[in-house]
C-alpha atoms as a PDB file:
ATOM      1  CA  MET A   1     -55.673 -25.390  47.607  1.00  0.00           C
ATOM      2  CA  SER A   2     -56.127 -29.124  47.215  1.00  0.00           C
ATOM      3  CA  HIS A   3     -54.158 -31.748  49.127  1.00  0.00           C
ATOM      4  CA  LEU A   4     -53.136 -34.614  46.854  1.00  0.00           C
ATOM      5  CA  PRO A   5     -50.734 -36.838  48.845  1.00  0.00           C
ATOM      6  CA  ASP A   6     -50.462 -39.455  46.096  1.00  0.00           C
ATOM      7  CA  ALA A   7     -50.005 -37.090  43.140  1.00  0.00           C
ATOM      8  CA  LEU A   8     -46.502 -36.447  41.866  1.00  0.00           C
ATOM      9  CA  PRO A   9     -45.576 -33.000  40.561  1.00  0.00           C
ATOM     10  CA  LEU A  10     -44.882 -32.727  36.837  1.00  0.00           C
ATOM     11  CA  ILE A  11     -41.305 -31.430  36.869  1.00  0.00           C
ATOM     12  CA  ASP A  12     -41.297 -30.023  33.325  1.00  0.00           C
ATOM     13  CA  ARG A  13     -44.671 -28.260  33.431  1.00  0.00           C
ATOM     14  CA  LYS A  14     -44.749 -25.574  30.750  1.00  0.00           C
ATOM     15  CA  ASP A  15     -46.408 -23.054  33.057  1.00  0.00           C
ATOM     16  CA  VAL A  16     -43.619 -23.178  35.670  1.00  0.00           C
ATOM     17  CA  ASP A  17     -41.144 -20.293  35.527  1.00  0.00           C
ATOM     18  CA  ALA A  18     -39.161 -21.015  38.699  1.00  0.00           C
ATOM     19  CA  VAL A  19     -38.939 -23.445  41.602  1.00  0.00           C
ATOM     20  CA  LEU A  20     -38.013 -22.837  45.217  1.00  0.00           C
ATOM     21  CA  VAL A  21     -35.884 -25.648  46.640  1.00  0.00           C
ATOM     22  CA  GLU A  22     -34.932 -26.196  50.256  1.00  0.00           C
ATOM     23  CA  MET A  23     -33.020 -29.072  51.838  1.00  0.00           C
ATOM     24  CA  ILE A  24     -33.441 -29.684  55.562  1.00  0.00           C
ATOM     25  CA  THR A  25     -31.220 -32.054  57.523  1.00  0.00           C
ATOM     26  CA  THR A  26     -33.280 -33.883  60.138  1.00  0.00           C
ATOM     27  CA  GLY A  27     -31.036 -36.096  62.255  1.00  0.00           C
ATOM     28  CA  GLY A  28     -33.091 -39.226  61.650  1.00  0.00           C
ATOM     29  CA  PRO A  29     -36.405 -40.680  60.425  1.00  0.00           C
ATOM     30  CA  GLU A  30     -38.374 -39.253  63.355  1.00  0.00           C
ATOM     31  CA  GLY A  31     -37.100 -35.809  62.420  1.00  0.00           C
ATOM     32  CA  GLN A  32     -38.176 -36.435  58.823  1.00  0.00           C
ATOM     33  CA  ARG A  33     -41.700 -37.257  59.952  1.00  0.00           C
ATOM     34  CA  SER A  34     -41.843 -34.185  62.189  1.00  0.00           C
ATOM     35  CA  VAL A  35     -40.525 -31.853  59.478  1.00  0.00           C
ATOM     36  CA  THR A  36     -42.925 -33.304  56.884  1.00  0.00           C
ATOM     37  CA  ALA A  37     -45.878 -32.811  59.227  1.00  0.00           C
ATOM     38  CA  ALA A  38     -44.781 -29.270  60.138  1.00  0.00           C
ATOM     39  CA  VAL A  39     -44.229 -28.276  56.500  1.00  0.00           C
ATOM     40  CA  THR A  40     -47.596 -29.695  55.407  1.00  0.00           C
ATOM     41  CA  SER A  41     -49.368 -27.839  58.217  1.00  0.00           C
ATOM     42  CA  HIS A  42     -47.509 -24.633  57.300  1.00  0.00           C
ATOM     43  CA  TRP A  43     -48.488 -24.867  53.638  1.00  0.00           C
ATOM     44  CA  GLN A  44     -52.110 -25.626  54.490  1.00  0.00           C
ATOM     45  CA  SER A  45     -52.438 -22.760  56.972  1.00  0.00           C
ATOM     46  CA  HIS A  46     -51.029 -19.981  54.789  1.00  0.00           C
ATOM     47  CA  GLU A  47     -52.616 -18.022  51.986  1.00  0.00           C
ATOM     48  CA  TRP A  48     -51.916 -19.806  48.701  1.00  0.00           C
ATOM     49  CA  PRO A  49     -50.618 -17.345  46.054  1.00  0.00           C
ATOM     50  CA  ALA A  50     -52.184 -17.690  42.612  1.00  0.00           C
ATOM     51  CA  GLU A  51     -48.702 -18.121  41.107  1.00  0.00           C
ATOM     52  CA  LEU A  52     -47.766 -21.047  43.373  1.00  0.00           C
ATOM     53  CA  VAL A  53     -48.491 -24.093  41.213  1.00  0.00           C
ATOM     54  CA  SER A  54     -47.494 -26.881  43.588  1.00  0.00           C
ATOM     55  CA  ALA A  55     -45.472 -27.603  46.715  1.00  0.00           C
ATOM     56  CA  SER A  56     -43.940 -31.033  47.280  1.00  0.00           C
ATOM     57  CA  CYS A  57     -42.110 -32.762  50.097  1.00  0.00           C
ATOM     58  CA  TYR A  58     -39.609 -35.615  49.697  1.00  0.00           C
ATOM     59  CA  THR A  59     -37.742 -37.600  52.367  1.00  0.00           C
ATOM     60  CA  SER A  60     -34.315 -39.159  51.828  1.00  0.00           C
ATOM     61  CA  THR A  61     -34.075 -42.930  52.005  1.00  0.00           C
ATOM     62  CA  ASP A  62     -31.119 -42.665  54.421  1.00  0.00           C
ATOM     63  CA  GLY A  63     -33.373 -40.910  56.959  1.00  0.00           C
ATOM     64  CA  ASN A  64     -31.250 -37.771  57.128  1.00  0.00           C
ATOM     65  CA  SER A  65     -33.013 -35.055  55.131  1.00  0.00           C
ATOM     66  CA  VAL A  66     -36.174 -33.565  53.660  1.00  0.00           C
ATOM     67  CA  LEU A  67     -36.346 -31.909  50.232  1.00  0.00           C
ATOM     68  CA  LEU A  68     -38.950 -29.218  49.568  1.00  0.00           C
ATOM     69  CA  TYR A  69     -39.739 -28.400  45.929  1.00  0.00           C
ATOM     70  CA  ALA A  70     -42.235 -25.614  45.148  1.00  0.00           C
ATOM     71  CA  GLN A  71     -43.193 -24.705  41.577  1.00  0.00           C
ATOM     72  CA  TRP A  72     -44.107 -21.120  40.682  1.00  0.00           C
ATOM     73  CA  SER A  73     -45.566 -19.758  37.454  1.00  0.00           C
ATOM     74  CA  SER A  74     -43.843 -16.396  38.014  1.00  0.00           C
ATOM     75  CA  ARG A  75     -40.350 -15.771  39.355  1.00  0.00           C
ATOM     76  CA  GLU A  76     -41.381 -12.223  40.221  1.00  0.00           C
ATOM     77  CA  ALA A  77     -44.157 -13.583  42.452  1.00  0.00           C
ATOM     78  CA  LEU A  78     -41.699 -16.019  44.028  1.00  0.00           C
ATOM     79  CA  HIS A  79     -39.241 -13.235  44.830  1.00  0.00           C
ATOM     80  CA  ALA A  80     -42.072 -11.123  46.244  1.00  0.00           C
ATOM     81  CA  SER A  81     -43.127 -14.014  48.465  1.00  0.00           C
ATOM     82  CA  LEU A  82     -39.568 -14.422  49.751  1.00  0.00           C
ATOM     83  CA  ARG A  83     -39.477 -10.737  50.697  1.00  0.00           C
ATOM     84  CA  GLN A  84     -42.874 -10.670  52.402  1.00  0.00           C
ATOM     85  CA  GLU A  85     -42.970 -11.370  56.125  1.00  0.00           C
ATOM     86  CA  GLY A  86     -45.481 -14.069  56.986  1.00  0.00           C
ATOM     87  CA  SER A  87     -45.750 -15.380  53.439  1.00  0.00           C
ATOM     88  CA  ILE A  88     -45.830 -19.062  52.566  1.00  0.00           C
ATOM     89  CA  SER A  89     -42.202 -18.864  51.382  1.00  0.00           C
ATOM     90  CA  ARG A  90     -40.813 -17.005  54.404  1.00  0.00           C
ATOM     91  CA  GLY A  91     -41.934 -19.484  57.055  1.00  0.00           C
ATOM     92  CA  ALA A  92     -39.597 -21.795  58.941  1.00  0.00           C
ATOM     93  CA  PRO A  93     -41.879 -24.691  59.911  1.00  0.00           C
ATOM     94  CA  HIS A  94     -38.915 -26.896  60.831  1.00  0.00           C
ATOM     95  CA  ARG A  95     -37.582 -24.504  63.494  1.00  0.00           C
ATOM     96  CA  ASP A  96     -39.225 -26.373  66.387  1.00  0.00           C
ATOM     97  CA  VAL A  97     -38.068 -29.818  65.241  1.00  0.00           C
ATOM     98  CA  THR A  98     -35.074 -31.002  67.271  1.00  0.00           C
ATOM     99  CA  GLY A  99     -32.018 -31.507  65.076  1.00  0.00           C
ATOM    100  CA  ALA A 100     -33.581 -29.992  61.945  1.00  0.00           C
ATOM    101  CA  ARG A 101     -31.390 -27.516  60.069  1.00  0.00           C
ATOM    102  CA  SER A 102     -32.153 -25.831  56.759  1.00  0.00           C
ATOM    103  CA  GLN A 103     -29.514 -25.249  54.099  1.00  0.00           C
ATOM    104  CA  GLY A 104     -31.559 -22.282  52.873  1.00  0.00           C
ATOM    105  CA  ALA A 105     -34.288 -21.872  50.263  1.00  0.00           C
ATOM    106  CA  VAL A 106     -32.894 -21.274  46.765  1.00  0.00           C
ATOM    107  CA  PRO A 107     -34.844 -20.286  43.611  1.00  0.00           C
ATOM    108  CA  PHE A 108     -34.018 -22.363  40.507  1.00  0.00           C
ATOM    109  CA  GLN A 109     -35.111 -22.581  36.891  1.00  0.00           C
ATOM    110  CA  LEU A 110     -35.312 -25.844  34.964  1.00  0.00           C
ATOM    111  CA  TYR A 111     -32.629 -25.849  32.248  1.00  0.00           C
ATOM    112  CA  ARG A 112     -32.624 -29.300  30.632  1.00  0.00           C
ATOM    113  CA  VAL A 113     -34.595 -32.547  30.888  1.00  0.00           C
ATOM    114  CA  VAL A 114     -33.037 -35.794  29.664  1.00  0.00           C
ATOM    115  CA  ARG A 115     -35.299 -38.839  29.426  1.00  0.00           C
ATOM    116  CA  GLY A 116     -34.274 -42.459  29.706  1.00  0.00           C
ATOM    117  CA  GLY A 117     -34.129 -44.378  26.447  1.00  0.00           C
ATOM    118  CA  ALA A 118     -35.733 -47.517  27.879  1.00  0.00           C
ATOM    119  CA  ILE A 119     -38.968 -45.936  29.140  1.00  0.00           C
ATOM    120  CA  THR A 120     -42.011 -48.115  28.581  1.00  0.00           C
ATOM    121  CA  ASP A 121     -45.353 -46.837  27.320  1.00  0.00           C
ATOM    122  CA  PRO A 122     -47.003 -45.919  29.592  1.00  0.00           C
ATOM    123  CA  ALA A 123     -44.023 -44.775  31.611  1.00  0.00           C
ATOM    124  CA  PRO A 124     -43.642 -46.265  35.088  1.00  0.00           C
ATOM    125  CA  VAL A 125     -44.516 -44.162  38.111  1.00  0.00           C
ATOM    126  CA  PRO A 126     -41.235 -42.978  39.631  1.00  0.00           C
ATOM    127  CA  GLU A 127     -40.525 -44.248  43.123  1.00  0.00           C
ATOM    128  CA  CYS A 128     -37.021 -42.883  43.677  1.00  0.00           C
ATOM    129  CA  PHE A 129     -35.751 -39.333  43.226  1.00  0.00           C
ATOM    130  CA  PRO A 130     -31.966 -38.877  43.476  1.00  0.00           C
ATOM    131  CA  ALA A 131     -31.118 -35.234  44.152  1.00  0.00           C
ATOM    132  CA  ALA A 132     -27.787 -33.447  44.321  1.00  0.00           C
ATOM    133  CA  VAL A 133     -26.647 -29.817  44.429  1.00  0.00           C
ATOM    134  CA  PHE A 134     -23.345 -28.632  42.940  1.00  0.00           C
ATOM    135  CA  PRO A 135     -21.757 -25.185  43.527  1.00  0.00           C
ATOM    136  CA  MET A 136     -21.269 -23.051  40.417  1.00  0.00           C
ATOM    137  CA  ALA A 137     -19.678 -19.732  39.449  1.00  0.00           C
ATOM    138  CA  GLY A 138     -22.540 -18.159  37.498  1.00  0.00           C
ATOM    139  CA  VAL A 139     -25.453 -19.023  35.232  1.00  0.00           C
ATOM    140  CA  GLU A 140     -23.392 -19.488  32.075  1.00  0.00           C
ATOM    141  CA  ALA A 141     -20.813 -21.604  33.883  1.00  0.00           C
ATOM    142  CA  ALA A 142     -23.623 -23.733  35.326  1.00  0.00           C
ATOM    143  CA  ARG A 143     -25.165 -24.331  31.921  1.00  0.00           C
ATOM    144  CA  GLN A 144     -21.772 -25.205  30.438  1.00  0.00           C
ATOM    145  CA  TRP A 145     -21.153 -27.655  33.281  1.00  0.00           C
ATOM    146  CA  ILE A 146     -24.488 -29.398  32.628  1.00  0.00           C
ATOM    147  CA  ASP A 147     -23.906 -29.515  28.872  1.00  0.00           C
ATOM    148  CA  GLY A 148     -20.391 -30.835  29.391  1.00  0.00           C
ATOM    149  CA  LEU A 149     -21.519 -33.510  31.840  1.00  0.00           C
ATOM    150  CA  LEU A 150     -24.181 -34.759  29.435  1.00  0.00           C
ATOM    151  CA  ALA A 151     -21.766 -34.706  26.511  1.00  0.00           C
ATOM    152  CA  ALA A 152     -19.279 -36.749  28.536  1.00  0.00           C
ATOM    153  CA  GLU A 153     -22.032 -39.199  29.408  1.00  0.00           C
ATOM    154  CA  GLU A 154     -22.912 -39.647  25.718  1.00  0.00           C
ATOM    155  CA  ASP A 155     -19.259 -40.213  24.862  1.00  0.00           C
ATOM    156  CA  ALA A 156     -18.947 -42.856  27.566  1.00  0.00           C
ATOM    157  CA  GLU A 157     -22.359 -44.535  27.471  1.00  0.00           C
ATOM    158  CA  GLY A 158     -23.977 -43.631  24.120  1.00  0.00           C
ATOM    159  CA  GLU A 159     -26.874 -41.372  23.190  1.00  0.00           C
ATOM    160  CA  GLU A 160     -29.725 -43.826  23.868  1.00  0.00           C
ATOM    161  CA  ARG A 161     -29.443 -43.688  27.675  1.00  0.00           C
ATOM    162  CA  ALA A 162     -31.328 -46.978  27.879  1.00  0.00           C
ATOM    163  CA  TYR A 163     -30.605 -47.409  31.574  1.00  0.00           C
ATOM    164  CA  PRO A 164     -32.956 -49.850  33.337  1.00  0.00           C
ATOM    165  CA  GLY A 165     -35.434 -47.889  35.444  1.00  0.00           C
ATOM    166  CA  ALA A 166     -34.298 -44.448  34.268  1.00  0.00           C
ATOM    167  CA  ILE A 167     -37.249 -42.120  33.651  1.00  0.00           C
ATOM    168  CA  ALA A 168     -35.805 -38.592  33.573  1.00  0.00           C
ATOM    169  CA  ALA A 169     -32.975 -36.394  34.818  1.00  0.00           C
ATOM    170  CA  ASN A 170     -34.011 -32.788  35.471  1.00  0.00           C
ATOM    171  CA  PHE A 171     -31.198 -30.214  35.502  1.00  0.00           C
ATOM    172  CA  HIS A 172     -31.895 -26.904  37.260  1.00  0.00           C
ATOM    173  CA  VAL A 173     -29.769 -23.755  37.474  1.00  0.00           C
ATOM    174  CA  SER A 174     -30.238 -21.394  40.399  1.00  0.00           C
ATOM    175  CA  LEU A 175     -31.403 -17.935  39.419  1.00  0.00           C
ATOM    176  CA  ASP A 176     -28.263 -16.409  40.934  1.00  0.00           C
ATOM    177  CA  GLY A 177     -26.024 -18.910  39.118  1.00  0.00           C
ATOM    178  CA  GLY A 178     -24.553 -20.187  42.362  1.00  0.00           C
ATOM    179  CA  SER A 179     -25.612 -23.817  42.056  1.00  0.00           C
ATOM    180  CA  VAL A 180     -26.999 -26.634  39.937  1.00  0.00           C
ATOM    181  CA  LEU A 181     -29.711 -28.987  41.187  1.00  0.00           C
ATOM    182  CA  VAL A 182     -30.076 -32.382  39.539  1.00  0.00           C
ATOM    183  CA  LEU A 183     -33.387 -34.054  40.453  1.00  0.00           C
ATOM    184  CA  SER A 184     -33.860 -37.413  38.750  1.00  0.00           C
ATOM    185  CA  GLU A 185     -36.799 -39.800  38.471  1.00  0.00           C
ATOM    186  CA  TRP A 186     -36.323 -43.577  38.698  1.00  0.00           C
ATOM    187  CA  ALA A 187     -38.596 -46.593  38.784  1.00  0.00           C
ATOM    188  CA  SER A 188     -36.786 -48.029  41.805  1.00  0.00           C
ATOM    189  CA  GLU A 189     -34.075 -47.123  44.297  1.00  0.00           C
ATOM    190  CA  LYS A 190     -32.047 -50.224  43.430  1.00  0.00           C
ATOM    191  CA  GLU A 191     -31.780 -49.202  39.771  1.00  0.00           C
ATOM    192  CA  ALA A 192     -30.985 -45.615  40.724  1.00  0.00           C
ATOM    193  CA  ALA A 193     -28.248 -46.666  43.163  1.00  0.00           C
ATOM    194  CA  GLU A 194     -26.609 -48.969  40.619  1.00  0.00           C
ATOM    195  CA  HIS A 195     -26.613 -46.214  37.983  1.00  0.00           C
ATOM    196  CA  ILE A 196     -25.083 -43.697  40.380  1.00  0.00           C
ATOM    197  CA  ASP A 197     -22.270 -46.099  41.308  1.00  0.00           C
ATOM    198  CA  GLU A 198     -21.572 -47.277  37.767  1.00  0.00           C
ATOM    199  CA  VAL A 199     -22.128 -44.120  35.680  1.00  0.00           C
ATOM    200  CA  ILE A 200     -22.639 -40.932  37.680  1.00  0.00           C
ATOM    201  CA  GLN A 201     -19.765 -41.161  40.164  1.00  0.00           C
ATOM    202  CA  PRO A 202     -17.149 -41.706  37.420  1.00  0.00           C
ATOM    203  CA  LEU A 203     -18.599 -38.790  35.433  1.00  0.00           C
ATOM    204  CA  LEU A 204     -18.457 -36.504  38.476  1.00  0.00           C
ATOM    205  CA  GLU A 205     -14.883 -37.527  39.211  1.00  0.00           C
ATOM    206  CA  ALA A 206     -13.922 -36.765  35.615  1.00  0.00           C
ATOM    207  CA  ALA A 207     -15.674 -33.389  35.863  1.00  0.00           C
ATOM    208  CA  GLY A 208     -13.703 -32.386  38.935  1.00  0.00           C
ATOM    209  CA  GLY A 209     -15.583 -34.113  41.738  1.00  0.00           C
ATOM    210  CA  GLY A 210     -18.855 -33.608  43.548  1.00  0.00           C
ATOM    211  CA  ASP A 211     -21.246 -35.381  45.867  1.00  0.00           C
ATOM    212  CA  ALA A 212     -23.958 -37.451  44.159  1.00  0.00           C
ATOM    213  CA  GLY A 213     -26.351 -36.409  46.925  1.00  0.00           C
ATOM    214  CA  ALA A 214     -29.129 -38.550  48.363  1.00  0.00           C
ATOM    215  CA  ARG A 215     -32.044 -40.605  47.089  1.00  0.00           C
ATOM    216  CA  TYR A 216     -35.537 -39.411  48.005  1.00  0.00           C
ATOM    217  CA  THR A 217     -39.092 -40.719  48.202  1.00  0.00           C
ATOM    218  CA  HIS A 218     -42.085 -38.514  47.407  1.00  0.00           C
ATOM    219  CA  ARG A 219     -44.302 -37.873  50.446  1.00  0.00           C
ATOM    220  CA  ARG A 220     -46.717 -35.010  49.899  1.00  0.00           C
ATOM    221  CA  THR A 221     -47.810 -32.592  47.196  1.00  0.00           C
ATOM    222  CA  LEU A 222     -50.172 -29.658  47.554  1.00  0.00           C
ATOM    223  CA  THR A 223     -51.519 -28.051  44.403  1.00  0.00           C
ATOM    224  CA  SER A 224     -53.413 -24.874  43.593  1.00  0.00           C
ATOM    225  CA  PRO A 225     -57.122 -25.252  42.762  1.00  0.00           C
ATOM    226  CA  ALA A 226     -56.336 -24.280  39.182  1.00  0.00           C
ATOM    227  CA  GLY A 227     -53.491 -26.787  38.929  1.00  0.00           C
END
């Protein structure tokens, strides 16, 4: 594998069939640093499956959590890795970090990508990544919820989505249909925070509620030699 700490993963890569997402609460910035170091060491010390395209680590700007996002070219290979003892997906590198607690690793598939209408050419490098998970009652219900949320946004804000700093919103549905992950890309945290307060929170309240999650910063990405 190659270690590219400054390279961001391409969320909508065409060769990605599934992603494994894990959120780990850390109890503070020191816990974030310890979890990030432990996860990086874990990824580097394990055999890298050919189907594992990239593995990325993000830390929340509030100091409370770490987000792991691993892209796989085959969901079958991902499921096999989750079943295999000692595999890169079955490890728990955070277990020795005081205060760290995982919410569990969940396989997702990217469903829709919505790009900001004010993106410059070339597009800015994203610096902030708001992420939120919402419980769902099945794959079809999850897709309908995403479609309905975006339709409500267009009704309220227009189709252009020319929000300052908005690069992309990436909507994922878990393979078991139990949750939706929204991972967005923004040019700055300030612009992301203002958009969440002014647009996203009212939309979530209208859709029945939900937590807008946390804002993250990219820390590390490992990629396969072929990636």
